[in-house]
Amino acid sequence: MTLEDYIERYSSPEPEWLSRITRDTYQHVLNPHMLSGQVQGRLLSMLSHMLQPKYILELGTYTGYSALSLAEGLAEGGQVYTIEHNDELEDTIRRNIASSPYADRITLLLGDAKTIIGNRESEIENRNFDLVFIDADKREYCAYYDLIYSRVRVGGYILADNTLWDGHVVDSAYDRDAQTLGLRAFNERIATDERVEQVILPVRDGLTLIRKLC
């Protein structure tokens, strides 16, 4: 048994509708390793239950696993707005959401996250978010952060996925890799931003928790 197997064994199991998404993603979708999976999914669910957010914004839906995990802890009448750039995943995402208990709590927005967030006619234009989950193009994390910061309430949280990037952030062999450079720049940006406090959790591929102070 590996340490990862041990962690999964002694963490709460994923709900049945998320198990279906896991199976379907690994069978039919490219890059299934992008799925949040049981342990990170249970962490997202637990954080959401702790915070009981009214409004959540997610950048990067993939097949819907993380959006559904986050939806579990929404406050009464709350909503997850999730943005996915790859429109080829639309049917899969909508099917996965529809087959869950949270179909009425998740709004899927298709297109480039930067364009949607910056669009004054967007469905999220007048929303202030309690929680934002960043899990899209790693090269653009700093840009996403700049765009969403004013949309997060003071005391709210930003979660950023993949911030350890399989260890590449500390490996000089990846000094010319655009995604690694984007994540290094983001990590440095957060570490020097006095408006927030943050901690990187070595969960899966690195998950940074950021709390907005002002």
C-alpha atoms as a PDB file:
ATOM      1  CA  MET A   1       0.000   0.000   0.000  1.00  0.00           C
ATOM      2  CA  THR A   2       1.360   3.426  -0.948  1.00  0.00           C
ATOM      3  CA  LEU A   3       1.020   6.499   1.242  1.00  0.00           C
ATOM      4  CA  GLU A   4      -1.484   7.874  -1.266  1.00  0.00           C
ATOM      5  CA  ASP A   5      -3.532   4.678  -0.998  1.00  0.00           C
ATOM      6  CA  TYR A   6      -3.405   4.974   2.794  1.00  0.00           C
ATOM      7  CA  ILE A   7      -4.627   8.578   2.718  1.00  0.00           C
ATOM      8  CA  GLU A   8      -7.512   7.647   0.422  1.00  0.00           C
ATOM      9  CA  ARG A   9      -8.442   4.657   2.591  1.00  0.00           C
ATOM     10  CA  TYR A  10      -8.704   6.750   5.739  1.00  0.00           C
ATOM     11  CA  SER A  11     -10.419   9.746   4.150  1.00  0.00           C
ATOM     12  CA  SER A  12     -14.176   9.883   3.623  1.00  0.00           C
ATOM     13  CA  PRO A  13     -15.291   8.282   0.361  1.00  0.00           C
ATOM     14  CA  GLU A  14     -16.599  10.391  -2.479  1.00  0.00           C
ATOM     15  CA  PRO A  15     -20.385  10.414  -3.047  1.00  0.00           C
ATOM     16  CA  GLU A  16     -21.775   8.070  -5.667  1.00  0.00           C
ATOM     17  CA  TRP A  17     -22.406  10.817  -8.235  1.00  0.00           C
ATOM     18  CA  LEU A  18     -18.751  11.871  -8.002  1.00  0.00           C
ATOM     19  CA  SER A  19     -17.608   8.254  -8.360  1.00  0.00           C
ATOM     20  CA  ARG A  20     -19.538   8.143 -11.635  1.00  0.00           C
ATOM     21  CA  ILE A  21     -17.763  11.280 -12.841  1.00  0.00           C
ATOM     22  CA  THR A  22     -14.397   9.761 -11.933  1.00  0.00           C
ATOM     23  CA  ARG A  23     -15.128   6.561 -13.882  1.00  0.00           C
ATOM     24  CA  ASP A  24     -16.539   8.395 -16.885  1.00  0.00           C
ATOM     25  CA  THR A  25     -13.690  10.912 -17.006  1.00  0.00           C
ATOM     26  CA  TYR A  26     -11.024   8.199 -16.968  1.00  0.00           C
ATOM     27  CA  GLN A  27     -12.853   6.270 -19.677  1.00  0.00           C
ATOM     28  CA  HIS A  28     -13.781   9.032 -22.087  1.00  0.00           C
ATOM     29  CA  VAL A  29     -11.936  12.325 -21.470  1.00  0.00           C
ATOM     30  CA  LEU A  30      -8.369  13.351 -22.276  1.00  0.00           C
ATOM     31  CA  ASN A  31      -5.998  14.080 -19.374  1.00  0.00           C
ATOM     32  CA  PRO A  32      -8.108  12.459 -16.630  1.00  0.00           C
ATOM     33  CA  HIS A  33      -5.350  13.245 -14.097  1.00  0.00           C
ATOM     34  CA  MET A  34      -6.767  16.790 -14.107  1.00  0.00           C
ATOM     35  CA  LEU A  35      -9.719  15.517 -12.068  1.00  0.00           C
ATOM     36  CA  SER A  36      -9.630  16.671  -8.441  1.00  0.00           C
ATOM     37  CA  GLY A  37     -10.302  13.175  -7.114  1.00  0.00           C
ATOM     38  CA  GLN A  38     -11.432  11.803  -3.775  1.00  0.00           C
ATOM     39  CA  VAL A  39      -9.025  13.432  -1.301  1.00  0.00           C
ATOM     40  CA  GLN A  40      -8.945  16.899  -2.805  1.00  0.00           C
ATOM     41  CA  GLY A  41     -12.657  16.719  -3.506  1.00  0.00           C
ATOM     42  CA  ARG A  42     -13.383  15.902   0.134  1.00  0.00           C
ATOM     43  CA  LEU A  43     -11.100  18.772   1.185  1.00  0.00           C
ATOM     44  CA  LEU A  44     -12.960  21.209  -1.096  1.00  0.00           C
ATOM     45  CA  SER A  45     -16.263  19.973   0.290  1.00  0.00           C
ATOM     46  CA  MET A  46     -15.065  20.310   3.881  1.00  0.00           C
ATOM     47  CA  LEU A  47     -13.708  23.839   3.313  1.00  0.00           C
ATOM     48  CA  SER A  48     -17.005  24.802   1.714  1.00  0.00           C
ATOM     49  CA  HIS A  49     -18.948  23.390   4.670  1.00  0.00           C
ATOM     50  CA  MET A  50     -16.693  25.318   7.062  1.00  0.00           C
ATOM     51  CA  LEU A  51     -17.116  28.610   5.201  1.00  0.00           C
ATOM     52  CA  GLN A  52     -20.745  28.106   4.089  1.00  0.00           C
ATOM     53  CA  PRO A  53     -20.267  30.509   1.159  1.00  0.00           C
ATOM     54  CA  LYS A  54     -23.189  32.159  -0.547  1.00  0.00           C
ATOM     55  CA  TYR A  55     -21.428  32.611  -3.872  1.00  0.00           C
ATOM     56  CA  ILE A  56     -18.500  30.643  -5.286  1.00  0.00           C
ATOM     57  CA  LEU A  57     -16.596  31.333  -8.505  1.00  0.00           C
ATOM     58  CA  GLU A  58     -14.574  28.562 -10.134  1.00  0.00           C
ATOM     59  CA  LEU A  59     -12.133  29.103 -13.004  1.00  0.00           C
ATOM     60  CA  GLY A  60     -11.726  25.788 -14.826  1.00  0.00           C
ATOM     61  CA  THR A  61     -14.631  23.338 -14.650  1.00  0.00           C
ATOM     62  CA  TYR A  62     -13.113  20.362 -16.517  1.00  0.00           C
ATOM     63  CA  THR A  63     -15.794  17.664 -16.017  1.00  0.00           C
ATOM     64  CA  GLY A  64     -17.495  19.249 -13.007  1.00  0.00           C
ATOM     65  CA  TYR A  65     -16.020  17.253 -10.117  1.00  0.00           C
ATOM     66  CA  SER A  66     -14.634  20.195  -8.139  1.00  0.00           C
ATOM     67  CA  ALA A  67     -17.685  22.401  -8.746  1.00  0.00           C
ATOM     68  CA  LEU A  68     -19.926  19.684  -7.331  1.00  0.00           C
ATOM     69  CA  SER A  69     -17.598  19.162  -4.361  1.00  0.00           C
ATOM     70  CA  LEU A  70     -17.697  22.882  -3.561  1.00  0.00           C
ATOM     71  CA  ALA A  71     -21.476  23.021  -3.985  1.00  0.00           C
ATOM     72  CA  GLU A  72     -21.926  20.623  -1.055  1.00  0.00           C
ATOM     73  CA  GLY A  73     -21.248  23.364   1.508  1.00  0.00           C
ATOM     74  CA  LEU A  74     -23.140  26.273  -0.022  1.00  0.00           C
ATOM     75  CA  ALA A  75     -25.315  28.414   2.203  1.00  0.00           C
ATOM     76  CA  GLU A  76     -29.060  28.270   1.627  1.00  0.00           C
ATOM     77  CA  GLY A  77     -29.825  29.787  -1.767  1.00  0.00           C
ATOM     78  CA  GLY A  78     -26.123  29.811  -2.717  1.00  0.00           C
ATOM     79  CA  GLN A  79     -24.690  29.352  -6.177  1.00  0.00           C
ATOM     80  CA  VAL A  80     -21.483  28.132  -7.826  1.00  0.00           C
ATOM     81  CA  TYR A  81     -20.524  29.935 -11.030  1.00  0.00           C
ATOM     82  CA  THR A  82     -18.006  27.854 -12.942  1.00  0.00           C
ATOM     83  CA  ILE A  83     -16.167  28.905 -16.112  1.00  0.00           C
ATOM     84  CA  GLU A  84     -14.825  26.429 -18.683  1.00  0.00           C
ATOM     85  CA  HIS A  85     -12.888  27.416 -21.801  1.00  0.00           C
ATOM     86  CA  ASN A  86     -13.144  24.074 -23.609  1.00  0.00           C
ATOM     87  CA  ASP A  87     -16.624  23.990 -25.123  1.00  0.00           C
ATOM     88  CA  GLU A  88     -16.104  20.367 -26.215  1.00  0.00           C
ATOM     89  CA  LEU A  89     -16.661  19.431 -22.573  1.00  0.00           C
ATOM     90  CA  GLU A  90     -20.031  21.194 -22.341  1.00  0.00           C
ATOM     91  CA  ASP A  91     -22.232  18.120 -22.844  1.00  0.00           C
ATOM     92  CA  THR A  92     -20.195  16.110 -20.342  1.00  0.00           C
ATOM     93  CA  ILE A  93     -20.277  18.887 -17.742  1.00  0.00           C
ATOM     94  CA  ARG A  94     -24.012  19.483 -18.090  1.00  0.00           C
ATOM     95  CA  ARG A  95     -24.745  15.763 -17.862  1.00  0.00           C
ATOM     96  CA  ASN A  96     -22.614  15.413 -14.741  1.00  0.00           C
ATOM     97  CA  ILE A  97     -24.231  18.400 -13.061  1.00  0.00           C
ATOM     98  CA  ALA A  98     -27.737  17.253 -14.004  1.00  0.00           C
ATOM     99  CA  SER A  99     -27.171  13.806 -12.479  1.00  0.00           C
ATOM    100  CA  SER A 100     -26.160  15.283  -9.097  1.00  0.00           C
ATOM    101  CA  PRO A 101     -28.244  16.709  -6.220  1.00  0.00           C
ATOM    102  CA  TYR A 102     -26.876  20.198  -6.978  1.00  0.00           C
ATOM    103  CA  ALA A 103     -28.080  20.838 -10.516  1.00  0.00           C
ATOM    104  CA  ASP A 104     -29.923  24.000  -9.462  1.00  0.00           C
ATOM    105  CA  ARG A 105     -26.923  25.359  -7.571  1.00  0.00           C
ATOM    106  CA  ILE A 106     -24.352  25.398 -10.370  1.00  0.00           C
ATOM    107  CA  THR A 107     -24.231  27.824 -13.303  1.00  0.00           C
ATOM    108  CA  LEU A 108     -21.888  26.886 -16.150  1.00  0.00           C
ATOM    109  CA  LEU A 109     -20.331  29.725 -18.157  1.00  0.00           C
ATOM    110  CA  LEU A 110     -18.446  28.825 -21.343  1.00  0.00           C
ATOM    111  CA  GLY A 111     -15.576  30.910 -22.676  1.00  0.00           C
ATOM    112  CA  ASP A 112     -12.318  32.535 -21.666  1.00  0.00           C
ATOM    113  CA  ALA A 113     -12.280  33.290 -17.937  1.00  0.00           C
ATOM    114  CA  LYS A 114     -10.544  36.646 -18.367  1.00  0.00           C
ATOM    115  CA  THR A 115     -13.117  37.764 -20.913  1.00  0.00           C
ATOM    116  CA  ILE A 116     -16.088  36.616 -18.847  1.00  0.00           C
ATOM    117  CA  ILE A 117     -14.828  38.148 -15.607  1.00  0.00           C
ATOM    118  CA  GLY A 118     -14.080  41.443 -17.355  1.00  0.00           C
ATOM    119  CA  ASN A 119     -17.421  41.594 -19.209  1.00  0.00           C
ATOM    120  CA  ARG A 120     -19.768  44.120 -17.619  1.00  0.00           C
ATOM    121  CA  GLU A 121     -22.728  42.266 -19.105  1.00  0.00           C
ATOM    122  CA  SER A 122     -21.639  38.923 -17.676  1.00  0.00           C
ATOM    123  CA  GLU A 123     -23.923  36.977 -15.369  1.00  0.00           C
ATOM    124  CA  ILE A 124     -21.372  37.413 -12.587  1.00  0.00           C
ATOM    125  CA  GLU A 125     -20.867  41.178 -13.012  1.00  0.00           C
ATOM    126  CA  ASN A 126     -22.711  42.186  -9.838  1.00  0.00           C
ATOM    127  CA  ARG A 127     -21.584  39.267  -7.692  1.00  0.00           C
ATOM    128  CA  ASN A 128     -19.213  39.455  -4.747  1.00  0.00           C
ATOM    129  CA  PHE A 129     -17.757  36.059  -3.940  1.00  0.00           C
ATOM    130  CA  ASP A 130     -17.053  34.375  -0.628  1.00  0.00           C
ATOM    131  CA  LEU A 131     -14.813  31.788  -2.276  1.00  0.00           C
ATOM    132  CA  VAL A 132     -12.935  31.616  -5.585  1.00  0.00           C
ATOM    133  CA  PHE A 133     -11.248  28.454  -6.859  1.00  0.00           C
ATOM    134  CA  ILE A 134      -8.565  28.979  -9.531  1.00  0.00           C
ATOM    135  CA  ASP A 135      -7.803  25.871 -11.594  1.00  0.00           C
ATOM    136  CA  ALA A 136      -7.426  27.048 -15.177  1.00  0.00           C
ATOM    137  CA  ASP A 137      -4.459  28.006 -17.421  1.00  0.00           C
ATOM    138  CA  LYS A 138      -1.409  28.023 -15.131  1.00  0.00           C
ATOM    139  CA  ARG A 139       0.265  30.699 -17.259  1.00  0.00           C
ATOM    140  CA  GLU A 140      -2.546  33.097 -16.420  1.00  0.00           C
ATOM    141  CA  TYR A 141      -2.814  32.696 -12.632  1.00  0.00           C
ATOM    142  CA  CYS A 142      -1.472  36.202 -11.922  1.00  0.00           C
ATOM    143  CA  ALA A 143      -3.940  37.695 -14.404  1.00  0.00           C
ATOM    144  CA  TYR A 144      -6.828  35.753 -12.870  1.00  0.00           C
ATOM    145  CA  TYR A 145      -5.801  36.913  -9.413  1.00  0.00           C
ATOM    146  CA  ASP A 146      -5.802  40.557 -10.488  1.00  0.00           C
ATOM    147  CA  LEU A 147      -9.239  40.204 -12.069  1.00  0.00           C
ATOM    148  CA  ILE A 148     -10.972  38.418  -9.211  1.00  0.00           C
ATOM    149  CA  TYR A 149      -9.392  40.134  -6.207  1.00  0.00           C
ATOM    150  CA  SER A 150     -11.886  43.001  -6.062  1.00  0.00           C
ATOM    151  CA  ARG A 151     -14.738  40.490  -6.466  1.00  0.00           C
ATOM    152  CA  VAL A 152     -13.819  38.645  -3.261  1.00  0.00           C
ATOM    153  CA  ARG A 153     -15.299  40.022  -0.051  1.00  0.00           C
ATOM    154  CA  VAL A 154     -12.939  41.006   2.753  1.00  0.00           C
ATOM    155  CA  GLY A 155     -12.458  37.866   4.845  1.00  0.00           C
ATOM    156  CA  GLY A 156     -13.240  35.710   1.825  1.00  0.00           C
ATOM    157  CA  TYR A 157     -10.980  33.011   0.410  1.00  0.00           C
ATOM    158  CA  ILE A 158      -9.180  32.226  -2.817  1.00  0.00           C
ATOM    159  CA  LEU A 159      -8.020  28.658  -3.495  1.00  0.00           C
ATOM    160  CA  ALA A 160      -5.396  28.045  -6.176  1.00  0.00           C
ATOM    161  CA  ASP A 161      -4.784  24.522  -7.451  1.00  0.00           C
ATOM    162  CA  ASN A 162      -1.577  22.918  -8.780  1.00  0.00           C
ATOM    163  CA  THR A 163       0.716  25.434  -7.108  1.00  0.00           C
ATOM    164  CA  LEU A 164       3.462  22.825  -6.573  1.00  0.00           C
ATOM    165  CA  TRP A 165       3.098  21.528 -10.156  1.00  0.00           C
ATOM    166  CA  ASP A 166       4.493  18.061  -9.546  1.00  0.00           C
ATOM    167  CA  GLY A 167       7.569  19.641  -7.939  1.00  0.00           C
ATOM    168  CA  HIS A 168       8.475  21.570 -11.073  1.00  0.00           C
ATOM    169  CA  VAL A 169       8.325  24.878  -9.198  1.00  0.00           C
ATOM    170  CA  VAL A 170      11.617  23.943  -7.480  1.00  0.00           C
ATOM    171  CA  ASP A 171      13.197  22.057 -10.386  1.00  0.00           C
ATOM    172  CA  SER A 172      15.622  24.033 -12.587  1.00  0.00           C
ATOM    173  CA  ALA A 173      14.919  21.631 -15.460  1.00  0.00           C
ATOM    174  CA  TYR A 174      11.637  23.496 -15.936  1.00  0.00           C
ATOM    175  CA  ASP A 175      13.078  27.018 -15.968  1.00  0.00           C
ATOM    176  CA  ARG A 176      11.815  27.551 -19.519  1.00  0.00           C
ATOM    177  CA  ASP A 177       8.424  25.894 -19.111  1.00  0.00           C
ATOM    178  CA  ALA A 178       5.688  28.543 -19.441  1.00  0.00           C
ATOM    179  CA  GLN A 179       3.250  26.905 -17.042  1.00  0.00           C
ATOM    180  CA  THR A 180       5.925  26.391 -14.387  1.00  0.00           C
ATOM    181  CA  LEU A 181       7.044  30.000 -14.766  1.00  0.00           C
ATOM    182  CA  GLY A 182       3.437  31.153 -14.441  1.00  0.00           C
ATOM    183  CA  LEU A 183       2.993  29.250 -11.193  1.00  0.00           C
ATOM    184  CA  ARG A 184       6.305  30.448  -9.771  1.00  0.00           C
ATOM    185  CA  ALA A 185       5.296  34.029 -10.531  1.00  0.00           C
ATOM    186  CA  PHE A 186       1.914  33.484  -8.901  1.00  0.00           C
ATOM    187  CA  ASN A 187       3.410  31.943  -5.768  1.00  0.00           C
ATOM    188  CA  GLU A 188       5.841  34.840  -5.469  1.00  0.00           C
ATOM    189  CA  ARG A 189       3.037  37.338  -6.054  1.00  0.00           C
ATOM    190  CA  ILE A 190       0.896  35.899  -3.266  1.00  0.00           C
ATOM    191  CA  ALA A 191       3.837  35.617  -0.859  1.00  0.00           C
ATOM    192  CA  THR A 192       4.607  39.337  -1.254  1.00  0.00           C
ATOM    193  CA  ASP A 193       1.016  40.630  -1.242  1.00  0.00           C
ATOM    194  CA  GLU A 194       0.399  42.202   2.161  1.00  0.00           C
ATOM    195  CA  ARG A 195      -3.361  42.274   1.523  1.00  0.00           C
ATOM    196  CA  VAL A 196      -3.609  38.517   2.067  1.00  0.00           C
ATOM    197  CA  GLU A 197      -2.345  35.646   4.164  1.00  0.00           C
ATOM    198  CA  GLN A 198      -1.701  32.267   2.647  1.00  0.00           C
ATOM    199  CA  VAL A 199      -0.548  28.695   3.135  1.00  0.00           C
ATOM    200  CA  ILE A 200       0.369  26.041   0.563  1.00  0.00           C
ATOM    201  CA  LEU A 201      -0.986  22.593   1.384  1.00  0.00           C
ATOM    202  CA  PRO A 202       0.921  19.637  -0.131  1.00  0.00           C
ATOM    203  CA  VAL A 203      -2.355  18.006  -1.164  1.00  0.00           C
ATOM    204  CA  ARG A 204      -2.286  16.260  -4.532  1.00  0.00           C
ATOM    205  CA  ASP A 205      -0.407  18.802  -6.719  1.00  0.00           C
ATOM    206  CA  GLY A 206      -0.378  21.677  -4.228  1.00  0.00           C
ATOM    207  CA  LEU A 207      -3.360  23.724  -3.064  1.00  0.00           C
ATOM    208  CA  THR A 208      -2.853  27.311  -1.854  1.00  0.00           C
ATOM    209  CA  LEU A 209      -5.371  28.765   0.600  1.00  0.00           C
ATOM    210  CA  ILE A 210      -5.494  32.556   0.514  1.00  0.00           C
ATOM    211  CA  ARG A 211      -7.498  34.767   2.867  1.00  0.00           C
ATOM    212  CA  LYS A 212      -8.278  38.335   1.827  1.00  0.00           C
ATOM    213  CA  LEU A 213      -7.466  40.767   4.629  1.00  0.00           C
ATOM    214  CA  CYS A 214      -8.449  44.072   3.028  1.00  0.00           C
END
